[in-house]
Amino acid sequence: MRRSGGPCRLTPLEIASGVVFGFTPPTPALAPVEIGTLPPREALERAIRPALMRPPCLMSFSGGRSSSAILAVAVHLARREGLELPVPATNRMGGSASADETARQERVIICLGLTEWVRLELADELDLVGPVAMRVLRRHGFLWPSYAHLSMPLVEWASGGSLITGLGYRNALGEPDSLLCRDLDPLPWLRPSAQREVRARWTADATSRPRAEQHRLGWWGRLRRVQVGIELLRQLGAELRVQVCHPFIDPMFSTALGELPVSRRSTHALFGDLLPSELLAPPTMSTYKDAFWGTKSRELAEAWQGEGVDPVLVDAEALQMQWSLQRPDPRTFLLLQSVALARESLMASSVVSAAGG
């Protein structure tokens, strides 16, 4: 099993808590000649263009504001410049999509005049310890987020081409970070000392957020939990020669956006000419957590005997109680993957010992 090194390797406390802490070093600032020379839309198109020039260009499409907006810009750019159109692709897991969500997706596709739409119908394949997740875990080690293997079917479909995501959309528009703007929920499966350490590190990250609006995206982009996820997607793409593109966190776009007044950074102000207002409003999207905690996850949790977790950090009885719930806390999902990896390692050792004996 290969693991990412350096700042992208998760620590034992991060695996136990399901929370990633700290920051990566700042990237070099843009050269002065590059700053402020483009309006935000043009900067966003500049970030998208390399992906369009590497077909097949797949767009991770949920029908939410971010994927709808970036798809609309990509389609507009491709038609204007005579490039091959991007292909929206949607994971549909075990019928988890609601009727409203499906209708919204269809409206976006019709509005943009697209005739190709990849819909991947998945059942238990994306279980936290199912075949897709375990294939990625064996090669890369712990996933962040724990459901990062969700992107693997899209990467495989885009083999040799490119994949565009809507990562960073809310933060690019100045919306607060969902984790660090509220109090940390209890983590009852951790030992008291581990809980105190998690809170201390979480508080340090939360209090470091700058008050200045123009610096917020740069701060968010340096969070290790953001960079670890980006690096994993990069590695998944590299294996199949897929260029993974995140236009909303492109430095040129964030710089151009930061120079606008706050009132002009809204979804409608930026993309209202491409999609009707109702498709740029916040949707009521379904959650895929039930699809991740599927049959294989429940079976592994029920059969668990305490192996694969750090007893210094984790209270096994409390964790077992959490996993007995119909909907366990998602922050325990990394621990379940830790158990799955430990079991595979023990089985491999047993086979080697038996062969040697």
Protein backbone atom coordinates (compact mmCIF):
# COMPACT_ATOMS: atom_id res chain seq x y z
CA MET A 1 0.00 0.00 0.00
CA ARG A 2 1.34 3.42 -0.97
CA ARG A 3 0.64 6.42 1.21
CA SER A 4 0.99 10.11 0.49
CA GLY A 5 3.87 11.66 2.39
CA GLY A 6 4.53 15.05 3.93
CA PRO A 7 1.65 17.35 4.81
CA CYS A 8 -0.82 15.17 2.86
CA ARG A 9 -0.40 12.13 5.10
CA LEU A 10 -3.07 11.90 7.79
CA THR A 11 -1.94 11.65 11.42
CA PRO A 12 -3.31 9.07 13.90
CA LEU A 13 -5.36 11.79 15.62
CA GLU A 14 -6.87 12.89 12.31
CA ILE A 15 -7.83 9.32 11.44
CA ALA A 16 -9.35 8.80 14.89
CA SER A 17 -11.29 12.09 14.92
CA GLY A 18 -12.19 12.42 11.27
CA VAL A 19 -10.93 16.03 11.39
CA VAL A 20 -7.85 17.26 9.49
CA PHE A 21 -5.90 20.11 11.06
CA GLY A 22 -3.42 22.80 10.13
CA PHE A 23 -2.23 24.57 7.02
CA THR A 24 0.11 24.00 4.13
CA PRO A 25 2.79 26.61 3.32
CA PRO A 26 1.57 29.60 1.28
CA THR A 27 2.12 29.46 -2.46
CA PRO A 28 4.13 32.20 -4.18
CA ALA A 29 2.08 35.29 -4.95
CA LEU A 30 1.08 36.02 -8.52
CA ALA A 31 3.42 38.32 -10.40
CA PRO A 32 2.17 41.94 -10.42
CA VAL A 33 1.66 41.89 -14.19
CA GLU A 34 -0.87 39.07 -13.78
CA ILE A 35 -2.92 40.59 -10.97
CA GLY A 36 -6.11 42.39 -11.84
CA THR A 37 -5.68 42.18 -15.61
CA LEU A 38 -8.75 39.99 -16.19
CA PRO A 39 -12.40 40.22 -15.12
CA PRO A 40 -13.57 37.20 -13.08
CA ARG A 41 -15.46 35.51 -15.93
CA GLU A 42 -12.49 35.73 -18.25
CA ALA A 43 -10.18 34.47 -15.49
CA LEU A 44 -12.52 31.53 -14.89
CA GLU A 45 -12.58 30.72 -18.61
CA ARG A 46 -8.80 30.80 -18.64
CA ALA A 47 -8.79 28.22 -15.83
CA ILE A 48 -11.29 25.99 -17.68
CA ARG A 49 -9.77 26.16 -21.18
CA PRO A 50 -6.91 23.63 -20.60
CA ALA A 51 -9.46 21.00 -19.52
CA LEU A 52 -11.62 21.61 -22.62
CA MET A 53 -8.54 21.20 -24.79
CA ARG A 54 -7.95 17.74 -23.32
CA PRO A 55 -11.03 15.69 -24.31
CA PRO A 56 -12.90 13.79 -23.19
CA CYS A 57 -13.65 16.62 -20.75
CA LEU A 58 -15.93 15.41 -17.98
CA MET A 59 -17.79 17.73 -15.59
CA SER A 60 -18.66 16.37 -12.15
CA PHE A 61 -22.31 17.39 -12.16
CA SER A 62 -24.76 17.21 -9.25
CA GLY A 63 -27.15 19.94 -10.35
CA GLY A 64 -26.11 22.20 -7.47
CA ARG A 65 -25.03 25.81 -7.89
CA SER A 66 -21.32 25.14 -8.27
CA SER A 67 -21.47 22.34 -10.84
CA SER A 68 -24.27 24.04 -12.77
CA ALA A 69 -22.43 27.36 -12.94
CA ILE A 70 -19.09 25.90 -13.97
CA LEU A 71 -20.77 23.64 -16.54
CA ALA A 72 -22.58 26.66 -18.02
CA VAL A 73 -19.33 28.63 -18.33
CA ALA A 74 -17.52 25.64 -19.86
CA VAL A 75 -20.29 25.04 -22.41
CA HIS A 76 -20.40 28.75 -23.33
CA LEU A 77 -16.61 28.84 -23.77
CA ALA A 78 -16.49 25.62 -25.81
CA ARG A 79 -19.18 26.80 -28.23
CA ARG A 80 -17.58 30.21 -28.66
CA GLU A 81 -14.15 28.75 -29.44
CA GLY A 82 -15.28 25.68 -31.40
CA LEU A 83 -14.05 23.17 -28.83
CA GLU A 84 -15.56 19.82 -27.99
CA LEU A 85 -18.36 20.28 -25.45
CA PRO A 86 -17.79 19.15 -21.85
CA VAL A 87 -19.79 16.11 -20.79
CA PRO A 88 -21.70 16.37 -17.50
CA ALA A 89 -21.42 13.20 -15.40
CA THR A 90 -23.52 12.32 -12.38
CA ASN A 91 -23.12 9.55 -9.82
CA ARG A 92 -26.53 8.14 -8.91
CA MET A 93 -26.10 5.96 -5.88
CA GLY A 94 -28.72 3.47 -4.90
CA GLY A 95 -31.62 5.68 -5.88
CA SER A 96 -30.51 8.35 -3.37
CA ALA A 97 -31.34 11.25 -5.70
CA SER A 98 -34.70 12.86 -4.93
CA ALA A 99 -37.26 13.66 -7.62
CA ASP A 100 -36.60 17.39 -7.12
CA GLU A 101 -32.85 16.90 -7.52
CA THR A 102 -33.27 14.88 -10.72
CA ALA A 103 -35.69 17.46 -12.13
CA ARG A 104 -33.21 20.26 -11.38
CA GLN A 105 -30.40 18.37 -13.10
CA GLU A 106 -32.56 17.80 -16.14
CA ARG A 107 -33.51 21.47 -16.31
CA VAL A 108 -29.86 22.52 -16.35
CA ILE A 109 -29.05 20.04 -19.11
CA ILE A 110 -32.02 21.20 -21.22
CA CYS A 111 -31.27 24.88 -20.59
CA LEU A 112 -27.70 24.41 -21.82
CA GLY A 113 -28.84 22.43 -24.86
CA LEU A 114 -26.67 19.40 -24.09
CA THR A 115 -27.36 16.04 -25.70
CA GLU A 116 -24.75 13.98 -23.84
CA TRP A 117 -25.01 13.28 -20.11
CA VAL A 118 -23.26 10.41 -18.35
CA ARG A 119 -25.35 9.00 -15.50
CA LEU A 120 -23.56 6.31 -13.52
CA GLU A 121 -26.09 4.11 -11.74
CA LEU A 122 -24.36 2.71 -8.65
CA ALA A 123 -25.64 0.50 -5.85
CA ASP A 124 -23.22 -0.67 -3.13
CA GLU A 125 -20.11 -0.06 -5.23
CA LEU A 126 -19.29 3.15 -3.33
CA ASP A 127 -19.63 1.66 0.14
CA LEU A 128 -16.87 2.99 2.45
CA VAL A 129 -15.22 -0.43 2.38
CA GLY A 130 -16.66 -1.60 -0.94
CA PRO A 131 -14.68 -2.56 -4.05
CA VAL A 132 -13.98 0.97 -5.30
CA ALA A 133 -12.94 2.35 -1.91
CA MET A 134 -10.72 -0.64 -1.08
CA ARG A 135 -8.95 -0.40 -4.44
CA VAL A 136 -8.08 3.23 -3.72
CA LEU A 137 -7.24 2.55 -0.05
CA ARG A 138 -4.79 -0.22 -0.94
CA ARG A 139 -2.94 2.03 -3.33
CA HIS A 140 -3.08 5.41 -1.58
CA GLY A 141 -3.76 4.72 2.08
CA PHE A 142 -6.38 6.65 4.02
CA LEU A 143 -8.81 8.72 1.97
CA TRP A 144 -9.73 12.31 2.66
CA PRO A 145 -12.52 12.88 2.72
CA SER A 146 -13.43 9.29 3.54
CA TYR A 147 -15.77 9.23 0.54
CA ALA A 148 -13.16 10.57 -1.90
CA HIS A 149 -13.47 7.34 -3.89
CA LEU A 150 -16.77 8.85 -5.12
CA SER A 151 -14.69 10.52 -7.85
CA MET A 152 -13.05 7.29 -9.03
CA PRO A 153 -15.81 6.23 -11.48
CA LEU A 154 -15.67 9.71 -13.03
CA VAL A 155 -11.87 9.61 -13.31
CA GLU A 156 -12.07 6.19 -14.97
CA TRP A 157 -14.65 7.43 -17.47
CA ALA A 158 -12.44 10.42 -18.33
CA SER A 159 -9.33 8.28 -18.88
CA GLY A 160 -6.77 10.17 -20.94
CA GLY A 161 -8.77 13.38 -20.77
CA SER A 162 -9.82 15.81 -18.05
CA LEU A 163 -12.23 16.19 -15.14
CA ILE A 164 -13.63 19.54 -13.94
CA THR A 165 -14.95 19.96 -10.39
CA GLY A 166 -16.78 22.74 -8.56
CA LEU A 167 -14.46 22.59 -5.54
CA GLY A 168 -14.17 25.86 -3.61
CA TYR A 169 -17.28 27.54 -4.99
CA ARG A 170 -18.81 28.65 -1.68
CA ASN A 171 -15.52 29.92 -0.33
CA ALA A 172 -14.70 31.74 -3.57
CA LEU A 173 -17.94 33.71 -3.17
CA GLY A 174 -17.16 34.59 0.44
CA GLU A 175 -19.51 32.14 2.14
CA PRO A 176 -18.20 30.96 5.51
CA ASP A 177 -16.40 27.67 5.96
CA SER A 178 -19.00 25.21 7.21
CA LEU A 179 -16.76 23.43 9.71
CA LEU A 180 -14.80 26.26 11.28
CA CYS A 181 -17.70 28.72 11.65
CA ARG A 182 -19.59 26.64 14.19
CA ASP A 183 -18.70 24.93 17.42
CA LEU A 184 -17.11 21.51 17.13
CA ASP A 185 -19.62 18.72 17.73
CA PRO A 186 -18.69 16.16 20.43
CA LEU A 187 -16.60 13.13 19.46
CA PRO A 188 -17.70 10.62 22.11
CA TRP A 189 -15.68 7.72 20.67
CA LEU A 190 -12.41 9.47 21.54
CA ARG A 191 -10.59 9.25 24.86
CA PRO A 192 -10.91 12.46 26.93
CA SER A 193 -7.29 13.45 26.28
CA ALA A 194 -7.78 12.99 22.52
CA GLN A 195 -10.97 15.05 22.63
CA ARG A 196 -9.09 17.89 24.33
CA GLU A 197 -6.33 17.75 21.73
CA VAL A 198 -8.82 17.81 18.86
CA ARG A 199 -10.61 20.84 20.31
CA ALA A 200 -7.34 22.69 20.86
CA ARG A 201 -6.21 22.15 17.27
CA TRP A 202 -9.65 22.92 15.84
CA THR A 203 -9.78 26.16 17.85
CA ALA A 204 -6.34 27.17 16.59
CA ASP A 205 -7.48 26.72 12.98
CA ALA A 206 -10.82 28.48 13.50
CA THR A 207 -9.31 31.53 15.21
CA SER A 208 -6.74 31.97 12.45
CA ARG A 209 -9.41 32.89 9.88
CA PRO A 210 -8.75 36.42 8.64
CA ARG A 211 -11.41 39.06 8.98
CA ALA A 212 -10.50 40.66 5.66
CA GLU A 213 -12.82 39.32 2.96
CA GLN A 214 -10.19 39.37 0.23
CA HIS A 215 -7.92 36.98 2.14
CA ARG A 216 -10.54 34.35 3.00
CA LEU A 217 -10.17 32.15 -0.08
CA GLY A 218 -6.38 32.09 0.23
CA TRP A 219 -6.73 31.05 3.86
CA TRP A 220 -9.28 28.36 3.02
CA GLY A 221 -7.13 27.00 0.20
CA ARG A 222 -4.19 26.49 2.56
CA LEU A 223 -6.15 24.33 4.99
CA ARG A 224 -4.59 20.87 5.02
CA ARG A 225 -7.99 19.23 4.74
CA VAL A 226 -8.47 21.04 1.44
CA GLN A 227 -4.99 20.31 0.12
CA VAL A 228 -5.08 16.63 1.14
CA GLY A 229 -8.29 16.15 -0.84
CA ILE A 230 -6.88 17.99 -3.87
CA GLU A 231 -3.70 15.92 -3.79
CA LEU A 232 -5.61 12.64 -3.66
CA LEU A 233 -7.70 13.67 -6.67
CA ARG A 234 -4.51 14.61 -8.48
CA GLN A 235 -3.04 11.18 -7.77
CA LEU A 236 -6.19 9.37 -8.87
CA GLY A 237 -6.19 11.35 -12.10
CA ALA A 238 -2.48 10.85 -12.77
CA GLU A 239 -2.88 7.07 -12.78
CA LEU A 240 -5.25 7.29 -15.76
CA ARG A 241 -3.68 10.37 -17.38
CA VAL A 242 -6.62 12.55 -16.34
CA GLN A 243 -6.04 16.24 -15.68
CA VAL A 244 -8.23 17.23 -12.71
CA CYS A 245 -9.22 20.90 -12.82
CA HIS A 246 -10.71 23.04 -9.99
CA PRO A 247 -11.45 26.41 -11.66
CA PHE A 248 -13.02 28.06 -8.60
CA ILE A 249 -9.76 27.84 -6.66
CA ASP A 250 -7.59 29.02 -9.54
CA PRO A 251 -5.33 31.85 -8.23
CA MET A 252 -6.12 34.12 -11.17
CA PHE A 253 -9.87 33.76 -10.64
CA SER A 254 -9.68 34.26 -6.88
CA THR A 255 -7.51 37.35 -7.36
CA ALA A 256 -9.92 38.84 -9.91
CA LEU A 257 -12.91 38.02 -7.73
CA GLY A 258 -11.27 39.55 -4.67
CA GLU A 259 -11.06 42.91 -6.42
CA LEU A 260 -14.83 43.10 -6.94
CA PRO A 261 -17.17 44.67 -4.38
CA VAL A 262 -18.88 42.02 -2.27
CA SER A 263 -22.25 42.88 -3.84
CA ARG A 264 -20.96 41.84 -7.27
CA ARG A 265 -19.63 38.43 -6.21
CA SER A 266 -23.00 36.71 -6.06
CA THR A 267 -23.94 33.71 -8.16
CA HIS A 268 -26.51 35.74 -10.06
CA ALA A 269 -24.11 38.60 -10.77
CA LEU A 270 -21.46 36.24 -12.13
CA PHE A 271 -23.53 33.66 -14.01
CA GLY A 272 -27.05 35.10 -14.38
CA ASP A 273 -26.62 35.54 -18.13
CA LEU A 274 -26.02 31.81 -18.57
CA LEU A 275 -28.68 30.18 -16.39
CA PRO A 276 -32.07 31.30 -15.02
CA SER A 277 -32.09 32.52 -11.43
CA GLU A 278 -33.95 29.50 -10.05
CA LEU A 279 -31.12 27.21 -11.19
CA LEU A 280 -28.56 29.41 -9.42
CA ALA A 281 -30.42 29.38 -6.11
CA PRO A 282 -29.31 27.03 -3.31
CA PRO A 283 -30.90 23.63 -3.96
CA THR A 284 -32.20 21.11 -1.47
CA MET A 285 -29.81 18.35 -2.35
CA SER A 286 -29.91 14.79 -1.07
CA THR A 287 -27.20 13.36 1.13
CA TYR A 288 -25.18 10.35 0.05
CA LYS A 289 -24.09 9.28 3.54
CA ASP A 290 -26.49 6.33 3.53
CA ALA A 291 -24.98 5.12 0.26
CA PHE A 292 -21.50 5.14 1.78
CA TRP A 293 -22.58 3.33 4.96
CA GLY A 294 -23.87 0.34 3.05
CA THR A 295 -24.07 -3.40 3.53
CA LYS A 296 -20.32 -4.01 3.64
CA SER A 297 -19.78 -1.22 6.17
CA ARG A 298 -22.50 -2.52 8.48
CA GLU A 299 -21.21 -6.08 8.25
CA LEU A 300 -17.66 -5.01 9.07
CA ALA A 301 -18.84 -2.85 11.99
CA GLU A 302 -20.90 -5.71 13.42
CA ALA A 303 -18.00 -8.17 13.16
CA TRP A 304 -15.41 -5.75 14.55
CA GLN A 305 -13.36 -7.06 17.50
CA GLY A 306 -11.39 -3.91 18.32
CA GLU A 307 -8.56 -4.29 15.81
CA GLY A 308 -7.28 -1.55 13.53
CA VAL A 309 -7.76 1.48 15.82
CA ASP A 310 -5.40 3.20 18.24
CA PRO A 311 -6.58 2.33 21.80
CA VAL A 312 -4.72 5.34 23.19
CA LEU A 313 -7.00 7.62 21.15
CA VAL A 314 -10.19 5.58 20.69
CA ASP A 315 -12.66 4.14 23.21
CA ALA A 316 -13.62 0.87 21.49
CA GLU A 317 -16.93 0.47 23.34
CA ALA A 318 -18.02 4.01 22.50
CA LEU A 319 -17.02 3.49 18.87
CA GLN A 320 -18.96 0.24 18.70
CA MET A 321 -21.99 2.05 20.09
CA GLN A 322 -21.62 4.75 17.43
CA TRP A 323 -21.43 2.12 14.68
CA SER A 324 -24.58 0.43 15.98
CA LEU A 325 -26.60 3.54 15.08
CA GLN A 326 -28.57 3.61 11.86
CA ARG A 327 -26.58 6.67 10.79
CA PRO A 328 -23.17 6.76 12.50
CA ASP A 329 -21.23 10.00 12.74
CA PRO A 330 -19.40 10.41 9.38
CA ARG A 331 -16.27 11.40 11.26
CA THR A 332 -15.88 7.74 12.27
CA PHE A 333 -15.72 6.60 8.64
CA LEU A 334 -11.92 6.83 8.49
CA LEU A 335 -11.76 4.47 11.47
CA LEU A 336 -13.89 1.92 9.64
CA GLN A 337 -11.50 2.10 6.69
CA SER A 338 -8.63 1.67 9.14
CA VAL A 339 -10.27 -1.52 10.39
CA ALA A 340 -10.71 -2.79 6.82
CA LEU A 341 -7.04 -2.18 6.02
CA ALA A 342 -5.94 -3.85 9.26
CA ARG A 343 -8.04 -6.92 8.48
CA GLU A 344 -6.57 -7.22 5.01
CA SER A 345 -3.06 -6.90 6.44
CA LEU A 346 -3.74 -9.65 9.01
CA MET A 347 -5.18 -11.94 6.35
CA ALA A 348 -2.17 -11.37 4.09
CA SER A 349 0.20 -12.14 7.00
CA SER A 350 -1.71 -15.33 7.76
CA VAL A 351 -1.44 -16.47 4.16
CA VAL A 352 2.30 -15.80 4.10
CA SER A 353 2.78 -17.65 7.42
CA ALA A 354 0.75 -20.61 6.21
CA ALA A 355 2.75 -20.78 2.99
CA GLY A 356 6.01 -20.60 4.89
CA GLY A 357 4.92 -23.24 7.38
